[in-house]
């Protein structure tokens, strides 16, 4: 990617909800918002957890009832976090955390 004519390059922040690989005692994993910016990754809680099988089903066309509700909720969180990141120029984690978590 090159510089734009104004000399300012928009740096993308990647946001994705991913399972935290450390399982809880009940074999479920917490679902985290993973943000990646300039090679630095930070993880934030979504408040949701799922078993490995539930995570697989949630990300398939087979998701029904509660799993579909959780999938829709995490997609909403992911979308909101991405939109928030896109409005912070220049991006900083401190600003993201303040706007996305503390203001709510």
PDB file of N, CA and C in Angstrom:
ATOM      1  N   UNK A   1       0.833  -1.185   0.000  1.00  0.00           N
ATOM      2  CA  UNK A   1       0.000   0.000   0.000  1.00  0.00           C
ATOM      3  C   UNK A   1       0.874   1.242   0.000  1.00  0.00           C
ATOM      4  N   UNK A   2       0.563   2.165  -0.886  1.00  0.00           N
ATOM      5  CA  UNK A   2       1.346   3.392  -0.956  1.00  0.00           C
ATOM      6  C   UNK A   2       0.656   4.523  -0.234  1.00  0.00           C
ATOM      7  N   UNK A   3       1.341   5.650  -0.204  1.00  0.00           N
ATOM      8  CA  UNK A   3       0.786   6.844   0.425  1.00  0.00           C
ATOM      9  C   UNK A   3      -0.253   7.451  -0.504  1.00  0.00           C
ATOM     10  N   UNK A   4      -1.272   8.046   0.055  1.00  0.00           N
ATOM     11  CA  UNK A   4      -2.260   8.733  -0.761  1.00  0.00           C
ATOM     12  C   UNK A   4      -1.679  10.074  -1.183  1.00  0.00           C
ATOM     13  N   UNK A   5      -2.409  10.797  -1.998  1.00  0.00           N
ATOM     14  CA  UNK A   5      -1.915  12.091  -2.469  1.00  0.00           C
ATOM     15  C   UNK A   5      -1.785  13.098  -1.332  1.00  0.00           C
ATOM     16  N   UNK A   6      -2.441  12.873  -0.217  1.00  0.00           N
ATOM     17  CA  UNK A   6      -2.352  13.784   0.923  1.00  0.00           C
ATOM     18  C   UNK A   6      -1.250  13.374   1.895  1.00  0.00           C
ATOM     19  N   UNK A   7      -0.561  12.281   1.623  1.00  0.00           N
ATOM     20  CA  UNK A   7       0.527  11.857   2.489  1.00  0.00           C
ATOM     21  C   UNK A   7       0.057  11.143   3.751  1.00  0.00           C
ATOM     22  N   UNK A   8      -1.247  10.848   3.843  1.00  0.00           N
ATOM     23  CA  UNK A   8      -1.768  10.152   5.021  1.00  0.00           C
ATOM     24  C   UNK A   8      -2.272   8.787   4.567  1.00  0.00           C
ATOM     25  N   UNK A   9      -1.749   7.760   5.189  1.00  0.00           N
ATOM     26  CA  UNK A   9      -2.173   6.415   4.833  1.00  0.00           C
ATOM     27  C   UNK A   9      -3.073   5.896   5.942  1.00  0.00           C
ATOM     28  N   UNK A  10      -4.253   5.429   5.579  1.00  0.00           N
ATOM     29  CA  UNK A  10      -5.162   4.867   6.580  1.00  0.00           C
ATOM     30  C   UNK A  10      -4.649   3.484   6.958  1.00  0.00           C
ATOM     31  N   UNK A  11      -4.375   3.305   8.223  1.00  0.00           N
ATOM     32  CA  UNK A  11      -3.909   2.011   8.724  1.00  0.00           C
ATOM     33  C   UNK A  11      -5.142   1.243   9.186  1.00  0.00           C
ATOM     34  N   UNK A  12      -5.329   0.066   8.648  1.00  0.00           N
ATOM     35  CA  UNK A  12      -6.491  -0.726   9.028  1.00  0.00           C
ATOM     36  C   UNK A  12      -6.262  -1.433  10.354  1.00  0.00           C
ATOM     37  N   UNK A  13      -7.316  -1.482  11.127  1.00  0.00           N
ATOM     38  CA  UNK A  13      -7.331  -2.248  12.365  1.00  0.00           C
ATOM     39  C   UNK A  13      -8.240  -3.434  12.081  1.00  0.00           C
ATOM     40  N   UNK A  14      -7.739  -4.638  12.300  1.00  0.00           N
ATOM     41  CA  UNK A  14      -8.543  -5.830  12.062  1.00  0.00           C
ATOM     42  C   UNK A  14      -9.215  -6.229  13.366  1.00  0.00           C
ATOM     43  N   UNK A  15     -10.530  -6.459  13.299  1.00  0.00           N
ATOM     44  CA  UNK A  15     -11.299  -6.860  14.474  1.00  0.00           C
ATOM     45  C   UNK A  15     -11.994  -8.176  14.167  1.00  0.00           C
ATOM     46  N   UNK A  16     -11.855  -9.139  15.073  1.00  0.00           N
ATOM     47  CA  UNK A  16     -12.493 -10.441  14.869  1.00  0.00           C
ATOM     48  C   UNK A  16     -12.780 -11.073  16.223  1.00  0.00           C
ATOM     49  N   UNK A  17     -13.957 -11.710  16.341  1.00  0.00           N
ATOM     50  CA  UNK A  17     -14.244 -12.457  17.568  1.00  0.00           C
ATOM     51  C   UNK A  17     -13.674 -13.860  17.379  1.00  0.00           C
ATOM     52  N   UNK A  18     -12.864 -14.294  18.330  1.00  0.00           N
ATOM     53  CA  UNK A  18     -12.195 -15.592  18.261  1.00  0.00           C
ATOM     54  C   UNK A  18     -12.325 -16.305  19.599  1.00  0.00           C
ATOM     55  N   UNK A  19     -12.252 -17.651  19.588  1.00  0.00           N
ATOM     56  CA  UNK A  19     -12.270 -18.371  20.867  1.00  0.00           C
ATOM     57  C   UNK A  19     -10.913 -18.251  21.555  1.00  0.00           C
ATOM     58  N   UNK A  20     -10.937 -18.001  22.857  1.00  0.00           N
ATOM     59  CA  UNK A  20      -9.715 -17.995  23.658  1.00  0.00           C
ATOM     60  C   UNK A  20      -9.352 -19.463  23.875  1.00  0.00           C
ATOM     61  N   UNK A  21      -8.161 -19.854  23.500  1.00  0.00           N
ATOM     62  CA  UNK A  21      -7.821 -21.275  23.507  1.00  0.00           C
ATOM     63  C   UNK A  21      -7.688 -21.897  24.896  1.00  0.00           C
ATOM     64  N   UNK A  22      -7.611 -21.075  25.940  1.00  0.00           N
ATOM     65  CA  UNK A  22      -7.547 -21.635  27.302  1.00  0.00           C
ATOM     66  C   UNK A  22      -8.966 -21.937  27.773  1.00  0.00           C
ATOM     67  N   UNK A  23      -9.265 -23.215  27.905  1.00  0.00           N
ATOM     68  CA  UNK A  23     -10.626 -23.639  28.281  1.00  0.00           C
ATOM     69  C   UNK A  23     -10.872 -23.393  29.768  1.00  0.00           C
ATOM     70  N   UNK A  24     -12.116 -23.100  30.067  1.00  0.00           N
ATOM     71  CA  UNK A  24     -12.547 -22.964  31.463  1.00  0.00           C
ATOM     72  C   UNK A  24     -12.709 -24.375  32.036  1.00  0.00           C
ATOM     73  N   UNK A  25     -13.022 -24.460  33.295  1.00  0.00           N
ATOM     74  CA  UNK A  25     -13.179 -25.765  33.956  1.00  0.00           C
ATOM     75  C   UNK A  25     -14.270 -26.606  33.283  1.00  0.00           C
ATOM     76  N   UNK A  26     -15.305 -25.943  32.750  1.00  0.00           N
ATOM     77  CA  UNK A  26     -16.406 -26.697  32.126  1.00  0.00           C
ATOM     78  C   UNK A  26     -16.165 -26.977  30.630  1.00  0.00           C
ATOM     79  N   UNK A  27     -14.921 -26.864  30.185  1.00  0.00           N
ATOM     80  CA  UNK A  27     -14.502 -27.177  28.812  1.00  0.00           C
ATOM     81  C   UNK A  27     -14.970 -26.151  27.765  1.00  0.00           C
ATOM     82  N   UNK A  28     -15.557 -25.040  28.242  1.00  0.00           N
ATOM     83  CA  UNK A  28     -15.945 -24.000  27.293  1.00  0.00           C
ATOM     84  C   UNK A  28     -14.800 -22.997  27.184  1.00  0.00           C
ATOM     85  N   UNK A  29     -14.748 -22.299  26.076  1.00  0.00           N
ATOM     86  CA  UNK A  29     -13.747 -21.253  25.896  1.00  0.00           C
ATOM     87  C   UNK A  29     -14.467 -19.917  25.813  1.00  0.00           C
ATOM     88  N   UNK A  30     -13.838 -18.871  26.348  1.00  0.00           N
ATOM     89  CA  UNK A  30     -14.465 -17.559  26.258  1.00  0.00           C
ATOM     90  C   UNK A  30     -14.218 -17.005  24.855  1.00  0.00           C
ATOM     91  N   UNK A  31     -15.197 -16.276  24.356  1.00  0.00           N
ATOM     92  CA  UNK A  31     -15.099 -15.682  23.032  1.00  0.00           C
ATOM     93  C   UNK A  31     -14.607 -14.252  23.208  1.00  0.00           C
ATOM     94  N   UNK A  32     -13.511 -13.930  22.554  1.00  0.00           N
ATOM     95  CA  UNK A  32     -12.840 -12.653  22.740  1.00  0.00           C
ATOM     96  C   UNK A  32     -12.868 -11.826  21.453  1.00  0.00           C
ATOM     97  N   UNK A  33     -12.866 -10.507  21.636  1.00  0.00           N
ATOM     98  CA  UNK A  33     -12.674  -9.607  20.505  1.00  0.00           C
ATOM     99  C   UNK A  33     -11.155  -9.514  20.328  1.00  0.00           C
ATOM    100  N   UNK A  34     -10.649  -9.900  19.154  1.00  0.00           N
ATOM    101  CA  UNK A  34      -9.216  -9.776  18.878  1.00  0.00           C
ATOM    102  C   UNK A  34      -9.034  -8.578  17.957  1.00  0.00           C
ATOM    103  N   UNK A  35      -8.245  -7.605  18.413  1.00  0.00           N
ATOM    104  CA  UNK A  35      -7.934  -6.466  17.566  1.00  0.00           C
ATOM    105  C   UNK A  35      -6.469  -6.583  17.166  1.00  0.00           C
ATOM    106  N   UNK A  36      -6.185  -6.314  15.910  1.00  0.00           N
ATOM    107  CA  UNK A  36      -4.811  -6.350  15.422  1.00  0.00           C
ATOM    108  C   UNK A  36      -4.513  -5.026  14.749  1.00  0.00           C
ATOM    109  N   UNK A  37      -3.468  -4.361  15.225  1.00  0.00           N
ATOM    110  CA  UNK A  37      -3.066  -3.069  14.678  1.00  0.00           C
ATOM    111  C   UNK A  37      -1.550  -3.014  14.635  1.00  0.00           C
ATOM    112  N   UNK A  38      -0.996  -2.832  13.445  1.00  0.00           N
ATOM    113  CA  UNK A  38       0.461  -2.792  13.248  1.00  0.00           C
ATOM    114  C   UNK A  38       1.151  -3.991  13.895  1.00  0.00           C
ATOM    115  N   UNK A  39       0.548  -5.171  13.753  1.00  0.00           N
ATOM    116  CA  UNK A  39       1.141  -6.400  14.272  1.00  0.00           C
ATOM    117  C   UNK A  39       0.928  -6.626  15.757  1.00  0.00           C
ATOM    118  N   UNK A  40       0.279  -5.688  16.445  1.00  0.00           N
ATOM    119  CA  UNK A  40       0.032  -5.845  17.881  1.00  0.00           C
ATOM    120  C   UNK A  40      -1.401  -6.331  18.056  1.00  0.00           C
ATOM    121  N   UNK A  41      -1.553  -7.402  18.820  1.00  0.00           N
ATOM    122  CA  UNK A  41      -2.884  -7.957  19.076  1.00  0.00           C
ATOM    123  C   UNK A  41      -3.280  -7.711  20.519  1.00  0.00           C
ATOM    124  N   UNK A  42      -4.542  -7.317  20.691  1.00  0.00           N
ATOM    125  CA  UNK A  42      -5.106  -7.186  22.029  1.00  0.00           C
ATOM    126  C   UNK A  42      -6.440  -7.907  22.031  1.00  0.00           C
ATOM    127  N   UNK A  43      -6.752  -8.517  23.163  1.00  0.00           N
ATOM    128  CA  UNK A  43      -7.974  -9.300  23.300  1.00  0.00           C
ATOM    129  C   UNK A  43      -8.869  -8.681  24.371  1.00  0.00           C
ATOM    130  N   UNK A  44     -10.178  -8.675  24.101  1.00  0.00           N
ATOM    131  CA  UNK A  44     -11.157  -8.118  25.027  1.00  0.00           C
ATOM    132  C   UNK A  44     -12.314  -9.101  25.170  1.00  0.00           C
ATOM    133  N   UNK A  45     -12.901  -9.136  26.345  1.00  0.00           N
ATOM    134  CA  UNK A  45     -14.008 -10.054  26.607  1.00  0.00           C
ATOM    135  C   UNK A  45     -15.273  -9.635  25.872  1.00  0.00           C
ATOM    136  N   UNK A  46     -16.037 -10.629  25.405  1.00  0.00           N
ATOM    137  CA  UNK A  46     -17.361 -10.357  24.836  1.00  0.00           C
ATOM    138  C   UNK A  46     -18.437 -10.701  25.858  1.00  0.00           C
ATOM    139  N   UNK A  47     -18.054 -11.450  26.901  1.00  0.00           N
ATOM    140  CA  UNK A  47     -19.040 -11.916  27.865  1.00  0.00           C
ATOM    141  C   UNK A  47     -19.675 -13.239  27.454  1.00  0.00           C
ATOM    142  N   UNK A  48     -19.244 -13.792  26.327  1.00  0.00           N
ATOM    143  CA  UNK A  48     -19.797 -15.059  25.844  1.00  0.00           C
ATOM    144  C   UNK A  48     -18.739 -16.153  25.895  1.00  0.00           C
ATOM    145  N   UNK A  49     -19.224 -17.402  26.026  1.00  0.00           N
ATOM    146  CA  UNK A  49     -18.342 -18.572  26.005  1.00  0.00           C
ATOM    147  C   UNK A  49     -19.055 -19.678  25.237  1.00  0.00           C
ATOM    148  N   UNK A  50     -18.287 -20.613  24.720  1.00  0.00           N
ATOM    149  CA  UNK A  50     -18.864 -21.715  23.951  1.00  0.00           C
ATOM    150  C   UNK A  50     -17.934 -22.917  24.002  1.00  0.00           C
ATOM    151  N   UNK A  51     -18.520 -24.095  23.837  1.00  0.00           N
ATOM    152  CA  UNK A  51     -17.677 -25.285  23.702  1.00  0.00           C
ATOM    153  C   UNK A  51     -17.107 -25.260  22.287  1.00  0.00           C
ATOM    154  N   UNK A  52     -16.106 -26.091  22.047  1.00  0.00           N
ATOM    155  CA  UNK A  52     -15.496 -26.160  20.713  1.00  0.00           C
ATOM    156  C   UNK A  52     -16.553 -26.528  19.670  1.00  0.00           C
ATOM    157  N   UNK A  53     -17.419 -27.474  20.007  1.00  0.00           N
ATOM    158  CA  UNK A  53     -18.468 -27.911  19.074  1.00  0.00           C
ATOM    159  C   UNK A  53     -19.474 -26.778  18.832  1.00  0.00           C
ATOM    160  N   UNK A  54     -19.864 -26.079  19.911  1.00  0.00           N
ATOM    161  CA  UNK A  54     -20.795 -24.955  19.756  1.00  0.00           C
ATOM    162  C   UNK A  54     -20.191 -23.875  18.857  1.00  0.00           C
ATOM    163  N   UNK A  55     -18.898 -23.590  19.035  1.00  0.00           N
ATOM    164  CA  UNK A  55     -18.212 -22.584  18.210  1.00  0.00           C
ATOM    165  C   UNK A  55     -18.263 -22.999  16.745  1.00  0.00           C
ATOM    166  N   UNK A  56     -18.013 -24.275  16.490  1.00  0.00           N
ATOM    167  CA  UNK A  56     -18.053 -24.796  15.123  1.00  0.00           C
ATOM    168  C   UNK A  56     -19.463 -24.638  14.539  1.00  0.00           C
ATOM    169  N   UNK A  57     -20.480 -25.030  15.300  1.00  0.00           N
ATOM    170  CA  UNK A  57     -21.873 -24.943  14.841  1.00  0.00           C
ATOM    171  C   UNK A  57     -22.278 -23.477  14.641  1.00  0.00           C
ATOM    172  N   UNK A  58     -21.871 -22.613  15.577  1.00  0.00           N
ATOM    173  CA  UNK A  58     -22.216 -21.186  15.476  1.00  0.00           C
ATOM    174  C   UNK A  58     -21.739 -20.577  14.165  1.00  0.00           C
ATOM    175  N   UNK A  59     -20.604 -21.059  13.680  1.00  0.00           N
ATOM    176  CA  UNK A  59     -20.012 -20.516  12.462  1.00  0.00           C
ATOM    177  C   UNK A  59     -20.406 -21.300  11.219  1.00  0.00           C
ATOM    178  N   UNK A  60     -21.466 -22.087  11.334  1.00  0.00           N
ATOM    179  CA  UNK A  60     -21.977 -22.837  10.189  1.00  0.00           C
ATOM    180  C   UNK A  60     -23.413 -22.396   9.927  1.00  0.00           C
ATOM    181  N   UNK A  61     -23.997 -22.935   8.902  1.00  0.00           N
ATOM    182  CA  UNK A  61     -25.398 -22.620   8.584  1.00  0.00           C
ATOM    183  C   UNK A  61     -26.347 -23.394   9.489  1.00  0.00           C
ATOM    184  N   UNK A  62     -25.816 -24.289  10.322  1.00  0.00           N
ATOM    185  CA  UNK A  62     -26.643 -25.134  11.200  1.00  0.00           C
ATOM    186  C   UNK A  62     -27.038 -24.446  12.507  1.00  0.00           C
ATOM    187  N   UNK A  63     -26.503 -23.256  12.772  1.00  0.00           N
ATOM    188  CA  UNK A  63     -26.768 -22.582  14.050  1.00  0.00           C
ATOM    189  C   UNK A  63     -28.266 -22.329  14.218  1.00  0.00           C
ATOM    190  N   UNK A  64     -28.800 -22.783  15.344  1.00  0.00           N
ATOM    191  CA  UNK A  64     -30.224 -22.618  15.635  1.00  0.00           C
ATOM    192  C   UNK A  64     -30.391 -22.070  17.045  1.00  0.00           C
ATOM    193  N   UNK A  65     -31.543 -21.474  17.306  1.00  0.00           N
ATOM    194  CA  UNK A  65     -31.950 -21.022  18.630  1.00  0.00           C
ATOM    195  C   UNK A  65     -30.857 -20.260  19.381  1.00  0.00           C
ATOM    196  N   UNK A  66     -30.433 -20.804  20.537  1.00  0.00           N
ATOM    197  CA  UNK A  66     -29.480 -20.089  21.392  1.00  0.00           C
ATOM    198  C   UNK A  66     -28.141 -19.844  20.692  1.00  0.00           C
ATOM    199  N   UNK A  67     -27.652 -20.827  19.956  1.00  0.00           N
ATOM    200  CA  UNK A  67     -26.367 -20.649  19.268  1.00  0.00           C
ATOM    201  C   UNK A  67     -26.471 -19.557  18.201  1.00  0.00           C
ATOM    202  N   UNK A  68     -27.615 -19.489  17.531  1.00  0.00           N
ATOM    203  CA  UNK A  68     -27.820 -18.440  16.527  1.00  0.00           C
ATOM    204  C   UNK A  68     -27.875 -17.071  17.217  1.00  0.00           C
ATOM    205  N   UNK A  69     -28.535 -17.018  18.381  1.00  0.00           N
ATOM    206  CA  UNK A  69     -28.613 -15.754  19.130  1.00  0.00           C
ATOM    207  C   UNK A  69     -27.220 -15.287  19.559  1.00  0.00           C
ATOM    208  N   UNK A  70     -26.409 -16.224  20.041  1.00  0.00           N
ATOM    209  CA  UNK A  70     -25.044 -15.876  20.454  1.00  0.00           C
ATOM    210  C   UNK A  70     -24.242 -15.427  19.234  1.00  0.00           C
ATOM    211  N   UNK A  71     -24.361 -16.164  18.129  1.00  0.00           N
ATOM    212  CA  UNK A  71     -23.633 -15.783  16.919  1.00  0.00           C
ATOM    213  C   UNK A  71     -24.026 -14.377  16.487  1.00  0.00           C
ATOM    214  N   UNK A  72     -25.332 -14.079  16.479  1.00  0.00           N
ATOM    215  CA  UNK A  72     -25.790 -12.749  16.084  1.00  0.00           C
ATOM    216  C   UNK A  72     -25.249 -11.674  17.019  1.00  0.00           C
ATOM    217  N   UNK A  73     -25.212 -11.990  18.314  1.00  0.00           N
ATOM    218  CA  UNK A  73     -24.700 -11.033  19.302  1.00  0.00           C
ATOM    219  C   UNK A  73     -23.217 -10.763  19.093  1.00  0.00           C
ATOM    220  N   UNK A  74     -22.426 -11.813  18.838  1.00  0.00           N
ATOM    221  CA  UNK A  74     -20.988 -11.583  18.662  1.00  0.00           C
ATOM    222  C   UNK A  74     -20.692 -10.893  17.331  1.00  0.00           C
ATOM    223  N   UNK A  75     -21.509 -11.152  16.313  1.00  0.00           N
ATOM    224  CA  UNK A  75     -21.347 -10.437  15.037  1.00  0.00           C
ATOM    225  C   UNK A  75     -21.620  -8.949  15.251  1.00  0.00           C
ATOM    226  N   UNK A  76     -22.642  -8.657  16.048  1.00  0.00           N
ATOM    227  CA  UNK A  76     -22.972  -7.264  16.369  1.00  0.00           C
ATOM    228  C   UNK A  76     -21.819  -6.586  17.112  1.00  0.00           C
ATOM    229  N   UNK A  77     -21.245  -7.289  18.081  1.00  0.00           N
ATOM    230  CA  UNK A  77     -20.115  -6.760  18.856  1.00  0.00           C
ATOM    231  C   UNK A  77     -18.926  -6.518  17.922  1.00  0.00           C
ATOM    232  N   UNK A  78     -18.637  -7.509  17.079  1.00  0.00           N
ATOM    233  CA  UNK A  78     -17.524  -7.415  16.144  1.00  0.00           C
ATOM    234  C   UNK A  78     -17.697  -6.213  15.208  1.00  0.00           C
ATOM    235  N   UNK A  79     -18.903  -6.040  14.665  1.00  0.00           N
ATOM    236  CA  UNK A  79     -19.206  -4.937  13.757  1.00  0.00           C
ATOM    237  C   UNK A  79     -19.062  -3.595  14.461  1.00  0.00           C
ATOM    238  N   UNK A  80     -19.606  -3.498  15.684  1.00  0.00           N
ATOM    239  CA  UNK A  80     -19.520  -2.250  16.445  1.00  0.00           C
ATOM    240  C   UNK A  80     -18.065  -1.907  16.772  1.00  0.00           C
ATOM    241  N   UNK A  81     -17.279  -2.912  17.149  1.00  0.00           N
ATOM    242  CA  UNK A  81     -15.865  -2.689  17.477  1.00  0.00           C
ATOM    243  C   UNK A  81     -15.104  -2.236  16.237  1.00  0.00           C
ATOM    244  N   UNK A  82     -15.395  -2.861  15.080  1.00  0.00           N
ATOM    245  CA  UNK A  82     -14.715  -2.472  13.835  1.00  0.00           C
ATOM    246  C   UNK A  82     -15.066  -1.033  13.459  1.00  0.00           C
ATOM    247  N   UNK A  83     -16.353  -0.685  13.553  1.00  0.00           N
ATOM    248  CA  UNK A  83     -16.781   0.691  13.236  1.00  0.00           C
ATOM    249  C   UNK A  83     -16.101   1.689  14.164  1.00  0.00           C
ATOM    250  N   UNK A  84     -16.017   1.345  15.433  1.00  0.00           N
ATOM    251  CA  UNK A  84     -15.361   2.210  16.407  1.00  0.00           C
ATOM    252  C   UNK A  84     -13.895   2.416  16.019  1.00  0.00           C
ATOM    253  N   UNK A  85     -13.194   1.334  15.710  1.00  0.00           N
ATOM    254  CA  UNK A  85     -11.780   1.417  15.316  1.00  0.00           C
ATOM    255  C   UNK A  85     -11.605   2.285  14.071  1.00  0.00           C
ATOM    256  N   UNK A  86     -12.526   2.130  13.124  1.00  0.00           N
ATOM    257  CA  UNK A  86     -12.430   2.867  11.862  1.00  0.00           C
ATOM    258  C   UNK A  86     -12.571   4.375  12.045  1.00  0.00           C
ATOM    259  N   UNK A  87     -13.207   4.812  13.147  1.00  0.00           N
ATOM    260  CA  UNK A  87     -13.404   6.246  13.370  1.00  0.00           C
ATOM    261  C   UNK A  87     -12.240   6.888  14.117  1.00  0.00           C
ATOM    262  N   UNK A  88     -11.328   6.081  14.645  1.00  0.00           N
ATOM    263  CA  UNK A  88     -10.214   6.618  15.441  1.00  0.00           C
ATOM    264  C   UNK A  88      -8.997   6.791  14.544  1.00  0.00           C
ATOM    265  N   UNK A  89      -8.721   8.055  14.179  1.00  0.00           N
ATOM    266  CA  UNK A  89      -7.591   8.348  13.297  1.00  0.00           C
ATOM    267  C   UNK A  89      -6.767   9.462  13.937  1.00  0.00           C
ATOM    268  N   UNK A  90      -5.490   9.242  14.261  1.00  0.00           N
ATOM    269  CA  UNK A  90      -4.800   7.949  14.156  1.00  0.00           C
ATOM    270  C   UNK A  90      -5.300   6.997  15.257  1.00  0.00           C
ATOM    271  N   UNK A  91      -5.275   5.712  14.957  1.00  0.00           N
ATOM    272  CA  UNK A  91      -5.788   4.708  15.883  1.00  0.00           C
ATOM    273  C   UNK A  91      -4.890   4.595  17.105  1.00  0.00           C
ATOM    274  N   UNK A  92      -5.512   4.416  18.271  1.00  0.00           N
ATOM    275  CA  UNK A  92      -4.769   4.061  19.479  1.00  0.00           C
ATOM    276  C   UNK A  92      -5.658   3.136  20.309  1.00  0.00           C
ATOM    277  N   UNK A  93      -5.016   2.168  20.947  1.00  0.00           N
ATOM    278  CA  UNK A  93      -5.777   1.241  21.801  1.00  0.00           C
ATOM    279  C   UNK A  93      -6.414   1.985  22.966  1.00  0.00           C
ATOM    280  N   UNK A  94      -5.707   2.971  23.516  1.00  0.00           N
ATOM    281  CA  UNK A  94      -6.231   3.736  24.653  1.00  0.00           C
ATOM    282  C   UNK A  94      -7.548   4.412  24.264  1.00  0.00           C
ATOM    283  N   UNK A  95      -7.568   5.033  23.107  1.00  0.00           N
ATOM    284  CA  UNK A  95      -8.774   5.704  22.614  1.00  0.00           C
ATOM    285  C   UNK A  95      -9.891   4.690  22.357  1.00  0.00           C
ATOM    286  N   UNK A  96      -9.551   3.557  21.734  1.00  0.00           N
ATOM    287  CA  UNK A  96     -10.541   2.509  21.467  1.00  0.00           C
ATOM    288  C   UNK A  96     -11.165   2.022  22.767  1.00  0.00           C
ATOM    289  N   UNK A  97     -10.340   1.720  23.759  1.00  0.00           N
ATOM    290  CA  UNK A  97     -10.848   1.207  25.039  1.00  0.00           C
ATOM    291  C   UNK A  97     -11.747   2.233  25.716  1.00  0.00           C
ATOM    292  N   UNK A  98     -11.371   3.504  25.633  1.00  0.00           N
ATOM    293  CA  UNK A  98     -12.189   4.552  26.248  1.00  0.00           C
ATOM    294  C   UNK A  98     -13.546   4.654  25.553  1.00  0.00           C
ATOM    295  N   UNK A  99     -13.538   4.748  24.244  1.00  0.00           N
ATOM    296  CA  UNK A  99     -14.788   4.926  23.496  1.00  0.00           C
ATOM    297  C   UNK A  99     -15.651   3.665  23.548  1.00  0.00           C
ATOM    298  N   UNK A 100     -15.048   2.511  23.308  1.00  0.00           N
ATOM    299  CA  UNK A 100     -15.835   1.291  23.159  1.00  0.00           C
ATOM    300  C   UNK A 100     -16.316   0.713  24.488  1.00  0.00           C
ATOM    301  N   UNK A 101     -15.503   0.834  25.540  1.00  0.00           N
ATOM    302  CA  UNK A 101     -15.878   0.202  26.802  1.00  0.00           C
ATOM    303  C   UNK A 101     -16.328   1.187  27.881  1.00  0.00           C
ATOM    304  N   UNK A 102     -15.591   2.261  28.078  1.00  0.00           N
ATOM    305  CA  UNK A 102     -15.875   3.135  29.212  1.00  0.00           C
ATOM    306  C   UNK A 102     -17.077   4.035  28.997  1.00  0.00           C
ATOM    307  N   UNK A 103     -17.321   4.452  27.771  1.00  0.00           N
ATOM    308  CA  UNK A 103     -18.434   5.362  27.515  1.00  0.00           C
ATOM    309  C   UNK A 103     -19.781   4.686  27.615  1.00  0.00           C
ATOM    310  N   UNK A 104     -19.822   3.363  27.466  1.00  0.00           N
ATOM    311  CA  UNK A 104     -21.108   2.651  27.433  1.00  0.00           C
ATOM    312  C   UNK A 104     -21.683   2.494  28.822  1.00  0.00           C
TER     313      UNK A 104
END
